[in-house]
Protein backbone atom coordinates (compact mmCIF):
# COMPACT_ATOMS: atom_id res chain seq x y z
CA MET A 1 17.70 -12.23 -49.26
CA SER A 2 19.44 -13.51 -52.76
CA GLY A 3 20.72 -16.67 -52.70
CA VAL A 4 24.03 -17.70 -54.38
CA ARG A 5 25.19 -20.53 -56.65
CA PRO A 6 28.25 -22.68 -55.50
CA PRO A 7 30.50 -22.99 -58.45
CA GLY A 8 29.54 -25.65 -60.93
CA SER A 9 25.88 -25.61 -59.33
CA SER A 10 22.54 -24.46 -60.60
CA GLU A 11 21.05 -24.70 -57.15
CA VAL A 12 20.71 -21.74 -55.23
CA VAL A 13 21.72 -22.06 -51.77
CA ASN A 14 20.93 -19.31 -48.83
CA PRO A 15 23.89 -18.61 -46.74
CA PRO A 16 23.73 -19.49 -42.78
CA SER A 17 22.29 -16.76 -40.83
CA CYS A 18 24.77 -15.26 -38.44
CA ARG A 19 24.61 -12.50 -35.79
CA VAL A 20 27.48 -10.13 -35.40
CA VAL A 21 27.76 -8.60 -31.76
CA PRO A 22 29.36 -5.31 -32.53
CA PRO A 23 32.09 -3.88 -29.86
CA LEU A 24 31.27 -1.86 -26.87
CA SER A 25 31.99 1.42 -28.69
CA ASP A 26 29.78 0.71 -31.55
CA LEU A 27 26.99 -0.95 -29.20
CA LEU A 28 26.67 2.69 -27.73
CA ASN A 29 26.75 4.68 -31.04
CA LEU A 30 24.36 2.81 -32.86
CA PRO A 31 21.09 3.09 -30.95
CA ALA A 32 22.19 6.60 -29.76
CA ALA A 33 19.23 8.31 -31.12
CA ALA A 34 16.68 5.59 -30.16
CA PHE A 35 18.62 6.03 -26.63
CA GLU A 36 18.23 9.90 -26.69
CA GLN A 37 14.47 9.96 -27.65
CA ALA A 38 13.06 7.23 -25.57
CA PRO A 39 10.18 8.54 -23.15
CA VAL A 40 11.96 6.60 -20.13
CA ALA A 41 15.45 7.06 -18.38
CA LEU A 42 17.91 4.70 -20.13
CA LEU A 43 21.07 3.41 -18.69
CA VAL A 44 23.60 0.78 -19.59
CA VAL A 45 25.37 -0.52 -16.89
CA GLY A 46 28.77 -2.58 -17.15
CA VAL A 47 29.65 -5.77 -15.48
CA ASP A 48 31.31 -3.74 -13.10
CA GLY A 49 28.15 -2.17 -11.68
CA ARG A 50 29.00 1.48 -13.04
CA VAL A 51 26.97 3.41 -15.55
CA ALA A 52 28.51 3.24 -18.94
CA TYR A 53 25.98 5.22 -20.82
CA GLY A 54 23.04 7.35 -19.69
CA ASN A 55 20.55 9.17 -21.77
CA ALA A 56 19.22 12.51 -21.33
CA HIS A 57 15.85 11.57 -19.70
CA ALA A 58 17.98 9.71 -17.12
CA SER A 59 20.05 12.61 -16.50
CA GLU A 60 17.08 14.93 -16.00
CA LEU A 61 15.11 12.17 -14.10
CA LEU A 62 17.97 11.32 -11.61
CA GLY A 63 19.44 14.85 -11.30
CA TYR A 64 23.05 14.18 -12.63
CA GLU A 65 24.73 15.94 -15.50
CA PRO A 66 25.65 13.51 -18.21
CA ASP A 67 29.45 13.53 -17.29
CA ALA A 68 28.64 13.02 -13.62
CA LEU A 69 26.34 10.08 -14.66
CA GLU A 70 28.81 8.12 -16.88
CA GLY A 71 31.00 6.14 -14.79
CA LEU A 72 28.96 6.34 -11.50
CA SER A 73 28.33 3.21 -9.50
CA VAL A 74 24.41 2.40 -9.84
CA GLU A 75 24.75 1.50 -5.89
CA ARG A 76 24.95 5.38 -5.68
CA LEU A 77 21.24 5.30 -7.14
CA VAL A 78 19.93 3.10 -4.40
CA PRO A 79 18.96 4.14 -0.80
CA ALA A 80 21.75 3.58 1.61
CA SER A 81 19.72 0.89 3.47
CA LYS A 82 18.94 -1.11 0.63
CA ARG A 83 22.63 -1.10 -1.20
CA ALA A 84 24.11 -4.13 0.24
CA ARG A 85 21.07 -6.20 -0.80
CA HIS A 86 21.22 -4.64 -4.26
CA VAL A 87 24.80 -6.00 -4.71
CA ALA A 88 23.41 -9.26 -3.98
CA HIS A 89 20.83 -8.96 -6.60
CA ARG A 90 23.02 -7.76 -9.37
CA ALA A 91 25.33 -10.52 -8.95
CA ALA A 92 22.49 -13.07 -9.04
CA PHE A 93 21.24 -11.38 -12.36
CA ALA A 94 24.56 -11.22 -13.90
CA GLY A 95 24.59 -15.16 -13.20
CA ALA A 96 21.31 -15.62 -15.06
CA PRO A 97 20.58 -12.61 -16.97
CA ALA A 98 17.14 -12.42 -18.56
CA HIS A 99 14.60 -9.34 -19.63
CA ARG A 100 12.48 -8.69 -16.82
CA ARG A 101 10.90 -5.99 -14.50
CA MET A 102 13.06 -5.34 -11.16
CA ALA A 103 11.39 -6.43 -7.87
CA ASP A 104 7.90 -6.38 -9.54
CA GLY A 105 5.35 -5.80 -6.82
CA TYR A 106 7.59 -3.86 -4.56
CA ALA A 107 7.73 -0.17 -4.39
CA LEU A 108 10.77 0.85 -5.84
CA GLU A 109 12.69 4.07 -5.09
CA VAL A 110 15.97 5.68 -6.51
CA LEU A 111 17.96 8.14 -4.77
CA ARG A 112 18.42 11.37 -6.72
CA ALA A 113 21.97 13.39 -7.22
CA ASP A 114 20.36 16.04 -4.58
CA GLY A 115 19.42 13.10 -1.89
CA THR A 116 15.81 13.06 -2.48
CA ARG A 117 13.93 9.85 -3.07
CA LEU A 118 11.95 8.99 -6.17
CA ALA A 119 9.29 6.11 -6.66
CA VAL A 120 10.13 4.24 -9.85
CA ASP A 121 9.27 1.25 -12.13
CA ILE A 122 12.36 -0.49 -13.30
CA ALA A 123 12.92 -3.17 -16.32
CA LEU A 124 16.13 -4.96 -16.91
CA GLY A 125 17.34 -6.26 -20.38
CA PRO A 126 20.72 -8.06 -20.75
CA MET A 127 22.76 -6.61 -23.94
CA GLY A 128 25.53 -9.21 -23.86
CA ASP A 129 29.46 -8.83 -22.77
CA GLY A 130 27.95 -8.36 -19.27
CA LEU A 131 26.24 -5.25 -20.31
CA VAL A 132 22.50 -4.55 -18.75
CA CYS A 133 20.18 -1.85 -20.24
CA VAL A 134 18.29 -0.33 -17.09
CA ALA A 135 15.12 1.45 -18.14
CA ILE A 136 13.83 3.86 -15.29
CA SER A 137 10.43 5.43 -15.23
CA ASP A 138 8.87 7.86 -12.71
CA ALA A 139 5.98 6.05 -10.90
CA THR A 140 5.13 9.00 -8.64
CA GLU A 141 1.63 9.63 -10.29
CA HIS A 142 1.35 5.50 -10.66
CA ARG A 143 1.71 4.99 -6.80
CA SER A 144 -0.61 8.06 -6.15
CA SER A 145 -3.16 6.44 -7.96
CA GLU A 146 -2.56 3.16 -6.35
CA ARG A 147 -2.86 4.76 -2.82
CA ARG A 148 -6.21 6.47 -3.79
CA LEU A 149 -7.84 3.08 -5.16
CA THR A 150 -6.46 1.62 -2.02
CA ARG A 151 -8.22 4.03 0.30
CA LEU A 152 -11.27 3.80 -1.76
CA ALA A 153 -11.46 0.05 -1.32
CA TYR A 154 -10.71 0.28 2.39
CA THR A 155 -12.20 3.45 3.61
CA ASP A 156 -15.92 4.28 4.47
CA PRO A 157 -16.75 7.59 2.23
CA LEU A 158 -19.12 9.09 4.94
CA THR A 159 -17.06 8.93 8.11
CA GLY A 160 -13.38 8.46 6.55
CA LEU A 161 -12.76 5.51 8.92
CA LEU A 162 -12.02 2.11 7.44
CA ASN A 163 -14.59 -0.04 6.26
CA ARG A 164 -15.03 -3.76 7.09
CA ARG A 165 -12.58 -4.79 4.76
CA GLY A 166 -9.77 -2.14 5.95
CA PHE A 167 -10.37 -3.42 9.40
CA GLU A 168 -9.99 -6.93 8.63
CA ALA A 169 -6.79 -5.97 6.44
CA ALA A 170 -5.61 -4.13 9.62
CA LEU A 171 -6.43 -6.87 12.15
CA SER A 172 -4.80 -9.44 9.79
CA GLU A 173 -1.56 -7.42 9.28
CA ARG A 174 -1.16 -6.82 13.05
CA TYR A 175 -2.46 -10.33 14.45
CA GLY A 176 -2.31 -12.55 11.53
CA GLU A 177 0.47 -14.69 13.25
CA ARG A 178 -0.27 -14.64 17.08
CA ARG A 179 2.24 -14.42 19.84
CA ALA A 180 1.71 -15.24 23.44
CA THR A 181 2.22 -11.83 24.33
CA ASP A 182 -0.61 -10.30 22.06
CA ARG A 183 -3.24 -8.51 23.65
CA PHE A 184 -6.37 -6.68 22.36
CA ALA A 185 -9.94 -6.05 22.84
CA LEU A 186 -12.60 -5.60 20.58
CA VAL A 187 -15.86 -3.53 20.97
CA ILE A 188 -18.42 -3.79 18.87
CA VAL A 189 -20.82 -0.36 18.80
CA ASP A 190 -24.31 -0.08 17.57
CA VAL A 191 -26.12 3.16 17.19
CA ASP A 192 -29.50 2.95 19.12
CA ARG A 193 -32.73 3.12 17.06
CA PHE A 194 -30.80 4.42 14.08
CA LYS A 195 -33.54 3.53 11.73
CA GLU A 196 -36.07 5.66 13.62
CA ILE A 197 -33.97 8.73 13.30
CA ASN A 198 -33.52 8.25 9.38
CA ASP A 199 -37.25 7.77 9.46
CA THR A 200 -38.21 10.83 11.49
CA ALA A 201 -35.11 13.26 11.17
CA GLY A 202 -34.12 12.02 7.73
CA HIS A 203 -30.99 10.42 6.34
CA LEU A 204 -28.99 13.78 6.51
CA ILE A 205 -29.31 14.20 10.13
CA GLY A 206 -28.45 10.30 10.39
CA ASP A 207 -25.25 10.62 8.27
CA ALA A 208 -24.47 14.04 10.49
CA LEU A 209 -24.89 11.77 13.64
CA LEU A 210 -22.70 9.11 12.07
CA THR A 211 -19.73 11.56 11.46
CA ALA A 212 -20.02 12.83 14.78
CA PHE A 213 -19.84 9.55 16.44
CA ALA A 214 -16.81 8.65 14.05
CA ASP A 215 -15.07 11.84 15.10
CA ALA A 216 -15.89 11.23 19.09
CA MET A 217 -14.23 7.55 18.85
CA GLY A 218 -11.40 8.68 16.88
CA GLU A 219 -10.46 11.39 19.35
CA ARG A 220 -10.54 8.66 22.10
CA LEU A 221 -8.04 6.24 20.10
CA ARG A 222 -4.74 5.55 21.56
CA ALA A 223 -1.52 4.89 19.62
CA GLY A 224 -2.11 1.48 17.92
CA ASP A 225 -5.58 1.51 18.32
CA VAL A 226 -8.13 0.96 15.29
CA VAL A 227 -11.38 1.93 14.54
CA ALA A 228 -13.86 1.29 11.65
CA ARG A 229 -17.59 1.63 10.22
CA VAL A 230 -18.41 -1.88 9.32
CA GLY A 231 -21.93 -1.27 8.79
CA GLY A 232 -24.90 1.35 8.19
CA ASP A 233 -24.79 1.94 12.04
CA GLU A 234 -22.17 -0.53 13.49
CA PHE A 235 -18.68 0.34 14.42
CA VAL A 236 -15.74 -1.62 15.90
CA LEU A 237 -12.84 -0.47 17.72
CA CYS A 238 -9.71 -2.79 18.41
CA PHE A 239 -7.77 -1.66 21.51
CA ASP A 240 -4.28 -2.76 21.11
CA GLY A 241 -2.68 -4.13 24.15
CA ALA A 242 -5.73 -3.59 26.30
CA GLY A 243 -7.64 -6.25 28.61
CA GLY A 244 -11.07 -6.47 28.62
CA ASP A 245 -11.83 -4.48 31.82
CA GLU A 246 -9.31 -1.70 30.62
CA ALA A 247 -11.56 -1.67 27.24
CA ALA A 248 -14.70 -1.58 29.08
CA VAL A 249 -13.61 1.59 30.94
CA ILE A 250 -12.79 3.08 27.71
CA ALA A 251 -15.97 2.49 26.03
CA GLU A 252 -18.10 3.42 28.77
CA GLU A 253 -16.44 6.98 28.77
CA LEU A 254 -16.84 6.89 25.13
CA ARG A 255 -20.56 5.87 25.35
CA VAL A 256 -21.10 8.80 27.81
CA ALA A 257 -19.47 11.38 25.22
CA ILE A 258 -21.86 9.93 22.58
CA ALA A 259 -24.79 10.34 24.53
CA ALA A 260 -24.02 13.73 24.91
CA LEU A 261 -23.88 14.51 21.22
CA THR A 262 -26.41 16.27 19.29
CA VAL A 263 -26.46 17.60 15.75
CA PRO A 264 -28.79 20.64 14.42
CA ALA A 265 -32.05 19.43 13.11
CA PRO A 266 -33.62 21.26 9.92
CA GLY A 267 -36.74 22.60 11.40
CA GLY A 268 -34.85 24.00 14.58
CA GLY A 269 -33.75 22.03 17.88
CA THR A 270 -31.12 19.02 17.85
CA VAL A 271 -31.11 15.36 17.48
CA GLY A 272 -28.97 12.79 19.35
CA THR A 273 -29.09 9.08 20.46
CA THR A 274 -27.13 6.77 22.28
CA VAL A 275 -25.03 3.55 21.45
CA SER A 276 -25.07 0.04 22.88
CA MET A 277 -21.67 -1.82 23.33
CA GLY A 278 -20.07 -5.41 23.41
CA VAL A 279 -16.61 -5.89 24.86
CA ALA A 280 -14.44 -9.07 24.56
CA ALA A 281 -10.69 -9.48 24.81
CA PHE A 282 -7.99 -11.65 23.43
CA PRO A 283 -6.61 -13.79 24.84
CA GLU A 284 -8.64 -13.58 28.16
CA ASP A 285 -12.02 -14.33 26.78
CA GLY A 286 -10.59 -16.76 24.05
CA ASP A 287 -7.59 -17.70 21.63
CA ASP A 288 -9.59 -17.13 18.12
CA PRO A 289 -9.97 -13.69 17.11
CA ARG A 290 -13.04 -14.64 15.12
CA GLY A 291 -14.57 -15.93 18.58
CA ILE A 292 -13.56 -12.91 20.28
CA ALA A 293 -15.36 -10.83 17.65
CA ALA A 294 -18.55 -13.46 18.02
CA LEU A 295 -18.39 -12.90 21.58
CA ALA A 296 -18.26 -9.16 21.81
CA ASP A 297 -21.39 -9.23 19.13
CA GLU A 298 -23.07 -11.40 21.34
CA ARG A 299 -22.61 -9.32 24.77
CA LEU A 300 -23.98 -6.40 22.48
CA TYR A 301 -27.19 -7.84 21.73
CA ALA A 302 -27.46 -8.72 25.49
CA VAL A 303 -27.11 -5.07 26.10
CA LYS A 304 -29.57 -4.19 23.46
CA ALA A 305 -32.16 -6.79 25.10
CA ARG A 306 -31.79 -5.30 28.34
CA GLY A 307 -32.79 -1.89 27.16
CA ARG A 308 -29.76 -0.42 25.36
CA ASP A 309 -27.33 2.71 26.13
CA ALA A 310 -24.73 0.32 27.79
CA VAL A 311 -21.50 -1.52 27.47
CA GLY A 312 -21.60 -5.27 28.10
CA ARG A 313 -18.62 -6.85 29.46
């Protein structure tokens, strides 16, 4: 910027910088082209919580005609169960406005005009005079990818059951903060002589047996129960709300059912095997879940030492 000379002076002085905030009408007109061409839905929301302006992408994403969107309370875009909380969050933001993502780390949803919900990511930016720019992007594909990655991280690819990490996460979520009323039983299951099956019949037959076992266990689960494949030939079940004796009865039924399972062999005939199980229950066998797991494992190995194909309690 060119400098100016004060009268009677040869010194060039730069004028002080200043920022002119345009009135609301100008604020909405100046960036109109940028707003309309933005690849995300953009709303300008007033201090009263109503939409002052929405771009074409916002109308399309939210399902509102432009004239119906403008003047709409933003609470109408929030699922009914979360509106009261949203009012409080909006008030808190008005008291300390800042550029930030909204509820970062949470699965946000907006309520479209037709009543359907849409997974979204939202970012907020104060514009002055109590105005807030709200950027909304469709997060459906992003959330779907996250769910796929989570399934891969927590699921055994062969059987479709939880893996060890998934099982530990499920138990931590359910029993991480234990209560006096919590009851559950752990059953650790080992396939008998599984290495011999792989060595003699082949890994494809071994995999087919594991899949058949997983299906048999899944069919016998009750609501709230969990089953996982935590090793090559090792499974674990958690019977929610069950005592040790009840879990042992279910485990025995499962053992009998698995002993009757066979899969076709490549050269004709069938291949089958048996399983050994160890059972321990919380809190009757101890008040530490890790200790319960260790006790169930101990009882499993006692069964194997006695000859396999039984339930240890």
